Amino acid sequence: MKNHFIAVSLMLVILLGTGCRSSMNLPYDTGLEGSSFEEAIPVKSVAEEYEWIRLHYPDHIFVMQSLVFEKKKPYDILTIEAPDGAQREIYFNISRFYGKIF
């Protein structure tokens, strides 16, 4: 049941996030690649994660999302897949919003 709730929640974020593009202030020019914890992209919401991927990897599809902690900081790692089947992980620093009450 919990996995179903997470999957439905992510779908809602994706669907709702696509309509909020113009109001997002995404970190496009941070110089970070998202290839590791040190290169993690700082974001303010899960919707920003998906928008960043949509803009930087438009031909990739979403595979999975993982929440991990490194040195007591929360990170989302999104796994995406290229048209040729190659997968890559993109790291996002979610400390700006994780665990905060809105």
Protein backbone atom coordinates (compact mmCIF):
# COMPACT_ATOMS: atom_id res chain seq x y z
CA MET A 1 0.00 0.00 0.00
CA LYS A 2 2.83 2.39 0.87
CA ASN A 3 4.55 1.79 -2.50
CA HIS A 4 1.25 2.43 -4.29
CA PHE A 5 0.86 5.74 -2.43
CA ILE A 6 4.41 6.79 -3.37
CA ALA A 7 3.86 5.89 -7.02
CA VAL A 8 0.57 7.81 -7.16
CA SER A 9 2.17 10.78 -5.40
CA LEU A 10 5.02 10.87 -7.91
CA MET A 11 2.57 10.74 -10.81
CA LEU A 12 0.69 13.70 -9.35
CA VAL A 13 3.91 15.65 -8.90
CA ILE A 14 4.85 14.96 -12.51
CA LEU A 15 1.43 15.93 -13.83
CA LEU A 16 1.10 19.02 -11.66
CA GLY A 17 4.70 20.04 -12.15
CA THR A 18 4.35 20.27 -15.91
CA GLY A 19 1.87 23.10 -15.50
CA CYS A 20 4.15 25.09 -13.17
CA ARG A 21 7.20 25.49 -15.39
CA SER A 22 6.97 29.24 -15.77
CA SER A 23 6.82 29.85 -12.03
CA MET A 24 9.81 27.66 -11.13
CA ASN A 25 13.19 29.17 -10.51
CA LEU A 26 15.34 26.23 -11.54
CA PRO A 27 19.08 26.03 -10.93
CA TYR A 28 19.99 25.77 -14.63
CA ASP A 29 23.42 27.38 -14.45
CA THR A 30 24.81 26.00 -11.22
CA GLY A 31 27.68 24.34 -13.06
CA LEU A 32 26.75 21.10 -11.32
CA GLU A 33 26.19 17.92 -13.31
CA GLY A 34 24.25 15.81 -10.81
CA SER A 35 26.68 12.92 -11.30
CA SER A 36 27.52 12.44 -7.61
CA PHE A 37 26.75 13.69 -4.11
CA GLU A 38 29.34 16.43 -4.61
CA GLU A 39 27.76 17.43 -7.93
CA ALA A 40 24.14 17.16 -6.70
CA ILE A 41 21.71 19.68 -8.18
CA PRO A 42 20.08 21.82 -5.45
CA VAL A 43 16.30 21.91 -5.83
CA LYS A 44 13.34 23.25 -3.87
CA SER A 45 10.82 20.54 -4.83
CA VAL A 46 10.41 17.14 -6.47
CA ALA A 47 8.74 18.90 -9.41
CA GLU A 48 11.99 20.82 -9.99
CA GLU A 49 13.88 17.52 -10.19
CA TYR A 50 11.66 16.24 -12.97
CA GLU A 51 11.73 19.57 -14.78
CA TRP A 52 15.54 19.64 -14.64
CA ILE A 53 15.69 16.16 -16.14
CA ARG A 54 13.11 17.04 -18.79
CA LEU A 55 15.22 20.02 -19.87
CA HIS A 56 18.64 18.34 -19.73
CA TYR A 57 17.70 14.83 -20.87
CA PRO A 58 14.55 15.24 -23.00
CA ASP A 59 14.92 11.88 -24.76
CA HIS A 60 15.33 9.86 -21.55
CA ILE A 61 12.61 8.10 -19.60
CA PHE A 62 12.20 7.88 -15.84
CA VAL A 63 13.12 4.50 -14.29
CA MET A 64 13.11 5.03 -10.51
CA GLN A 65 13.67 7.44 -7.66
CA SER A 66 15.58 6.77 -4.44
CA LEU A 67 15.90 8.75 -1.24
CA VAL A 68 19.36 8.43 0.35
CA PHE A 69 21.29 10.18 3.08
CA GLU A 70 24.95 11.08 2.72
CA LYS A 71 26.70 12.75 5.65
CA LYS A 72 23.26 13.30 7.23
CA LYS A 73 21.97 15.24 4.19
CA PRO A 74 19.00 14.03 2.12
CA TYR A 75 19.37 13.39 -1.60
CA ASP A 76 17.07 12.09 -4.29
CA ILE A 77 18.72 9.95 -6.93
CA LEU A 78 16.69 9.64 -10.11
CA THR A 79 17.58 6.85 -12.51
CA ILE A 80 16.81 7.63 -16.14
CA GLU A 81 17.22 5.63 -19.32
CA ALA A 82 18.42 6.75 -22.75
CA PRO A 83 16.80 5.49 -25.96
CA ASP A 84 19.70 3.02 -26.38
CA GLY A 85 18.94 1.50 -22.95
CA ALA A 86 21.88 3.07 -21.11
CA GLN A 87 20.93 4.17 -17.60
CA ARG A 88 22.33 7.01 -15.55
CA GLU A 89 21.71 8.38 -12.08
CA ILE A 90 21.12 12.06 -11.42
CA TYR A 91 21.69 13.31 -7.86
CA PHE A 92 19.59 16.10 -6.36
CA ASN A 93 20.25 17.87 -3.06
CA ILE A 94 16.80 18.09 -1.44
CA SER A 95 17.86 19.58 1.91
CA ARG A 96 15.99 22.83 1.12
CA PHE A 97 12.62 21.11 1.41
CA TYR A 98 12.96 17.56 2.77
CA GLY A 99 11.32 17.15 6.16
CA LYS A 100 9.99 20.69 6.21
CA ILE A 101 6.32 21.43 6.89
CA PHE A 102 4.73 23.78 4.40
